[in-house]
């Protein structure tokens, strides 16, 4: 079985991001508490807004940090799995009938198609990596 996996390039894993988030929230609350004790209570309102905005941003980041695309070839079966957000979509093709469409000018993705079915791939890799991947996969298509 041949397998290729393309992952999103993320600097932090969700676990690392969570630790950073906890540290950031604690620091913000310490500073806000200091101002509150000094009599400037309005800082608490802005701290709550800041924490809410950072929370939304981090949740969006975490939702897509684990995105990936996988191509698997075993015998005559071509299996493509796309995990985007929290949704996994699986496509199955026959290696003898599947064709790869090269990326068009200005496009960041390429397509694998069979009859009326078409799957867009390669959004997580650079153009140079796409070219190498396409050549490797083509070697297994009939």
C-alpha atoms as a PDB file:
ATOM      1  CA  UNK A   1       0.000   0.000   0.000  1.00  0.00           C
ATOM      2  CA  UNK A   2       1.243   3.485  -0.911  1.00  0.00           C
ATOM      3  CA  UNK A   3       0.231   6.461   1.212  1.00  0.00           C
ATOM      4  CA  UNK A   4       0.779  10.225   0.937  1.00  0.00           C
ATOM      5  CA  UNK A   5      -0.392  12.701   3.543  1.00  0.00           C
ATOM      6  CA  UNK A   6      -0.567  16.478   3.191  1.00  0.00           C
ATOM      7  CA  UNK A   7      -0.958  18.462   6.408  1.00  0.00           C
ATOM      8  CA  UNK A   8      -1.595  22.099   7.202  1.00  0.00           C
ATOM      9  CA  UNK A   9       1.566  23.879   8.331  1.00  0.00           C
ATOM     10  CA  UNK A  10       0.747  25.006  11.872  1.00  0.00           C
ATOM     11  CA  UNK A  11       3.313  26.304  14.345  1.00  0.00           C
ATOM     12  CA  UNK A  12       1.459  25.070  17.427  1.00  0.00           C
ATOM     13  CA  UNK A  13      -0.516  21.939  18.179  1.00  0.00           C
ATOM     14  CA  UNK A  14      -3.878  22.438  19.893  1.00  0.00           C
ATOM     15  CA  UNK A  15      -2.335  21.219  23.188  1.00  0.00           C
ATOM     16  CA  UNK A  16       0.516  23.759  22.976  1.00  0.00           C
ATOM     17  CA  UNK A  17      -1.940  26.493  22.039  1.00  0.00           C
ATOM     18  CA  UNK A  18      -4.125  25.638  25.039  1.00  0.00           C
ATOM     19  CA  UNK A  19      -1.155  26.013  27.405  1.00  0.00           C
ATOM     20  CA  UNK A  20      -0.291  29.367  25.842  1.00  0.00           C
ATOM     21  CA  UNK A  21      -3.942  30.443  26.077  1.00  0.00           C
ATOM     22  CA  UNK A  22      -4.097  29.618  29.807  1.00  0.00           C
ATOM     23  CA  UNK A  23      -0.897  31.601  30.440  1.00  0.00           C
ATOM     24  CA  UNK A  24      -2.230  34.565  28.432  1.00  0.00           C
ATOM     25  CA  UNK A  25      -5.578  34.593  30.261  1.00  0.00           C
ATOM     26  CA  UNK A  26      -3.888  34.337  33.660  1.00  0.00           C
ATOM     27  CA  UNK A  27      -1.545  37.213  32.844  1.00  0.00           C
ATOM     28  CA  UNK A  28      -4.426  39.374  31.590  1.00  0.00           C
ATOM     29  CA  UNK A  29      -6.471  38.662  34.720  1.00  0.00           C
ATOM     30  CA  UNK A  30      -3.529  39.448  37.007  1.00  0.00           C
ATOM     31  CA  UNK A  31      -3.014  42.818  35.304  1.00  0.00           C
ATOM     32  CA  UNK A  32      -6.757  43.576  35.348  1.00  0.00           C
ATOM     33  CA  UNK A  33      -7.004  42.633  39.023  1.00  0.00           C
ATOM     34  CA  UNK A  34      -4.125  44.988  39.826  1.00  0.00           C
ATOM     35  CA  UNK A  35      -5.894  47.864  38.113  1.00  0.00           C
ATOM     36  CA  UNK A  36      -9.185  46.932  39.796  1.00  0.00           C
ATOM     37  CA  UNK A  37      -7.532  47.027  43.223  1.00  0.00           C
ATOM     38  CA  UNK A  38      -6.050  50.417  42.331  1.00  0.00           C
ATOM     39  CA  UNK A  39      -9.576  51.693  41.655  1.00  0.00           C
ATOM     40  CA  UNK A  40      -9.629  51.521  37.838  1.00  0.00           C
ATOM     41  CA  UNK A  41     -12.468  49.005  37.452  1.00  0.00           C
ATOM     42  CA  UNK A  42     -13.091  49.760  33.752  1.00  0.00           C
ATOM     43  CA  UNK A  43      -9.977  47.746  32.838  1.00  0.00           C
ATOM     44  CA  UNK A  44     -11.894  44.561  33.762  1.00  0.00           C
ATOM     45  CA  UNK A  45     -14.385  45.266  30.952  1.00  0.00           C
ATOM     46  CA  UNK A  46     -11.628  45.577  28.368  1.00  0.00           C
ATOM     47  CA  UNK A  47      -9.898  42.483  29.735  1.00  0.00           C
ATOM     48  CA  UNK A  48     -13.127  40.504  29.319  1.00  0.00           C
ATOM     49  CA  UNK A  49     -13.413  41.741  25.709  1.00  0.00           C
ATOM     50  CA  UNK A  50      -9.767  40.852  25.067  1.00  0.00           C
ATOM     51  CA  UNK A  51     -10.141  37.349  26.497  1.00  0.00           C
ATOM     52  CA  UNK A  52     -13.333  36.796  24.473  1.00  0.00           C
ATOM     53  CA  UNK A  53     -11.649  37.895  21.216  1.00  0.00           C
ATOM     54  CA  UNK A  54      -8.561  35.760  21.869  1.00  0.00           C
ATOM     55  CA  UNK A  55     -10.781  32.775  22.719  1.00  0.00           C
ATOM     56  CA  UNK A  56     -12.677  33.051  19.424  1.00  0.00           C
ATOM     57  CA  UNK A  57      -9.435  33.365  17.445  1.00  0.00           C
ATOM     58  CA  UNK A  58      -7.829  30.391  19.166  1.00  0.00           C
ATOM     59  CA  UNK A  59     -10.939  28.229  18.661  1.00  0.00           C
ATOM     60  CA  UNK A  60     -10.887  28.979  14.937  1.00  0.00           C
ATOM     61  CA  UNK A  61      -7.170  28.150  14.811  1.00  0.00           C
ATOM     62  CA  UNK A  62      -7.667  24.858  16.704  1.00  0.00           C
ATOM     63  CA  UNK A  63     -10.552  23.827  14.476  1.00  0.00           C
ATOM     64  CA  UNK A  64      -8.273  23.852  11.445  1.00  0.00           C
ATOM     65  CA  UNK A  65      -4.891  22.974  12.991  1.00  0.00           C
ATOM     66  CA  UNK A  66      -5.403  19.264  12.313  1.00  0.00           C
ATOM     67  CA  UNK A  67      -6.662  19.593   8.718  1.00  0.00           C
ATOM     68  CA  UNK A  68      -5.091  17.131   6.288  1.00  0.00           C
ATOM     69  CA  UNK A  69      -5.537  15.269   3.008  1.00  0.00           C
ATOM     70  CA  UNK A  70      -4.502  11.658   2.456  1.00  0.00           C
ATOM     71  CA  UNK A  71      -4.076   9.627  -0.730  1.00  0.00           C
ATOM     72  CA  UNK A  72      -3.890   5.837  -0.372  1.00  0.00           C
ATOM     73  CA  UNK A  73      -3.401   3.321  -3.164  1.00  0.00           C
ATOM     74  CA  UNK A  74      -3.844  -0.387  -2.579  1.00  0.00           C
ATOM     75  CA  UNK A  75      -4.082  -2.725  -5.565  1.00  0.00           C
ATOM     76  CA  UNK A  76      -6.727  -1.145  -7.850  1.00  0.00           C
ATOM     77  CA  UNK A  77      -8.280   1.054  -5.170  1.00  0.00           C
ATOM     78  CA  UNK A  78      -7.504   4.773  -4.833  1.00  0.00           C
ATOM     79  CA  UNK A  79      -8.766   6.177  -1.540  1.00  0.00           C
ATOM     80  CA  UNK A  80      -8.746   9.923  -0.829  1.00  0.00           C
ATOM     81  CA  UNK A  81      -9.527  11.265   2.640  1.00  0.00           C
ATOM     82  CA  UNK A  82     -10.009  14.950   3.365  1.00  0.00           C
ATOM     83  CA  UNK A  83     -10.262  16.111   6.990  1.00  0.00           C
ATOM     84  CA  UNK A  84     -11.257  19.788   7.030  1.00  0.00           C
ATOM     85  CA  UNK A  85     -12.553  21.415  10.216  1.00  0.00           C
ATOM     86  CA  UNK A  86     -14.230  18.532  11.967  1.00  0.00           C
ATOM     87  CA  UNK A  87     -15.545  16.822   8.838  1.00  0.00           C
ATOM     88  CA  UNK A  88     -13.889  13.863   7.165  1.00  0.00           C
ATOM     89  CA  UNK A  89     -14.862  13.109   3.581  1.00  0.00           C
ATOM     90  CA  UNK A  90     -13.757   9.885   1.889  1.00  0.00           C
ATOM     91  CA  UNK A  91     -13.629   9.321  -1.875  1.00  0.00           C
ATOM     92  CA  UNK A  92     -12.940   5.997  -3.534  1.00  0.00           C
ATOM     93  CA  UNK A  93     -11.766   5.576  -7.124  1.00  0.00           C
ATOM     94  CA  UNK A  94     -10.417   2.821  -9.344  1.00  0.00           C
ATOM     95  CA  UNK A  95      -6.727   3.360 -10.187  1.00  0.00           C
ATOM     96  CA  UNK A  96      -7.308   2.287 -13.798  1.00  0.00           C
ATOM     97  CA  UNK A  97      -9.935   4.973 -14.422  1.00  0.00           C
ATOM     98  CA  UNK A  98      -8.749   7.835 -12.218  1.00  0.00           C
ATOM     99  CA  UNK A  99      -6.923  10.746 -13.869  1.00  0.00           C
ATOM    100  CA  UNK A 100      -4.920  13.605 -12.387  1.00  0.00           C
ATOM    101  CA  UNK A 101      -5.565  17.105 -13.680  1.00  0.00           C
ATOM    102  CA  UNK A 102      -2.550  19.377 -13.331  1.00  0.00           C
ATOM    103  CA  UNK A 103      -2.987  22.682 -11.514  1.00  0.00           C
ATOM    104  CA  UNK A 104      -4.022  25.487 -13.819  1.00  0.00           C
ATOM    105  CA  UNK A 105      -2.129  28.777 -13.921  1.00  0.00           C
ATOM    106  CA  UNK A 106      -2.607  30.612 -10.645  1.00  0.00           C
ATOM    107  CA  UNK A 107      -4.292  27.637  -8.966  1.00  0.00           C
ATOM    108  CA  UNK A 108      -2.960  26.258  -5.700  1.00  0.00           C
ATOM    109  CA  UNK A 109      -4.614  22.867  -6.090  1.00  0.00           C
ATOM    110  CA  UNK A 110      -4.835  19.949  -8.486  1.00  0.00           C
ATOM    111  CA  UNK A 111      -7.717  17.546  -9.148  1.00  0.00           C
ATOM    112  CA  UNK A 112      -8.147  13.801  -9.258  1.00  0.00           C
ATOM    113  CA  UNK A 113     -11.185  12.782 -11.250  1.00  0.00           C
ATOM    114  CA  UNK A 114     -13.041   9.716 -12.418  1.00  0.00           C
ATOM    115  CA  UNK A 115     -16.137  10.052 -14.594  1.00  0.00           C
ATOM    116  CA  UNK A 116     -18.293  12.751 -12.941  1.00  0.00           C
ATOM    117  CA  UNK A 117     -16.455  12.719  -9.594  1.00  0.00           C
ATOM    118  CA  UNK A 118     -13.705  15.257  -8.938  1.00  0.00           C
ATOM    119  CA  UNK A 119     -11.632  15.846  -5.790  1.00  0.00           C
ATOM    120  CA  UNK A 120      -9.545  18.964  -5.247  1.00  0.00           C
ATOM    121  CA  UNK A 121      -6.239  18.311  -3.450  1.00  0.00           C
ATOM    122  CA  UNK A 122      -2.954  19.966  -2.593  1.00  0.00           C
ATOM    123  CA  UNK A 123      -4.087  23.027  -0.665  1.00  0.00           C
ATOM    124  CA  UNK A 124      -1.565  22.320   2.117  1.00  0.00           C
ATOM    125  CA  UNK A 125       1.569  21.913  -0.016  1.00  0.00           C
ATOM    126  CA  UNK A 126       3.669  24.191  -2.222  1.00  0.00           C
ATOM    127  CA  UNK A 127       3.578  24.002  -6.025  1.00  0.00           C
ATOM    128  CA  UNK A 128       6.973  22.247  -6.174  1.00  0.00           C
ATOM    129  CA  UNK A 129       5.755  19.580  -3.763  1.00  0.00           C
ATOM    130  CA  UNK A 130       2.562  19.184  -5.812  1.00  0.00           C
ATOM    131  CA  UNK A 131       4.548  18.416  -8.939  1.00  0.00           C
ATOM    132  CA  UNK A 132       6.569  15.712  -7.174  1.00  0.00           C
ATOM    133  CA  UNK A 133       3.432  14.255  -5.566  1.00  0.00           C
ATOM    134  CA  UNK A 134       1.579  14.156  -8.894  1.00  0.00           C
ATOM    135  CA  UNK A 135       4.446  12.264 -10.527  1.00  0.00           C
ATOM    136  CA  UNK A 136       4.586   9.743  -7.668  1.00  0.00           C
ATOM    137  CA  UNK A 137       0.817   9.121  -7.720  1.00  0.00           C
ATOM    138  CA  UNK A 138       0.706   8.900 -11.520  1.00  0.00           C
ATOM    139  CA  UNK A 139       3.175   6.001 -11.378  1.00  0.00           C
ATOM    140  CA  UNK A 140       0.482   3.950  -9.610  1.00  0.00           C
ATOM    141  CA  UNK A 141      -2.440   4.910 -11.843  1.00  0.00           C
ATOM    142  CA  UNK A 142      -3.290   2.680 -14.769  1.00  0.00           C
END
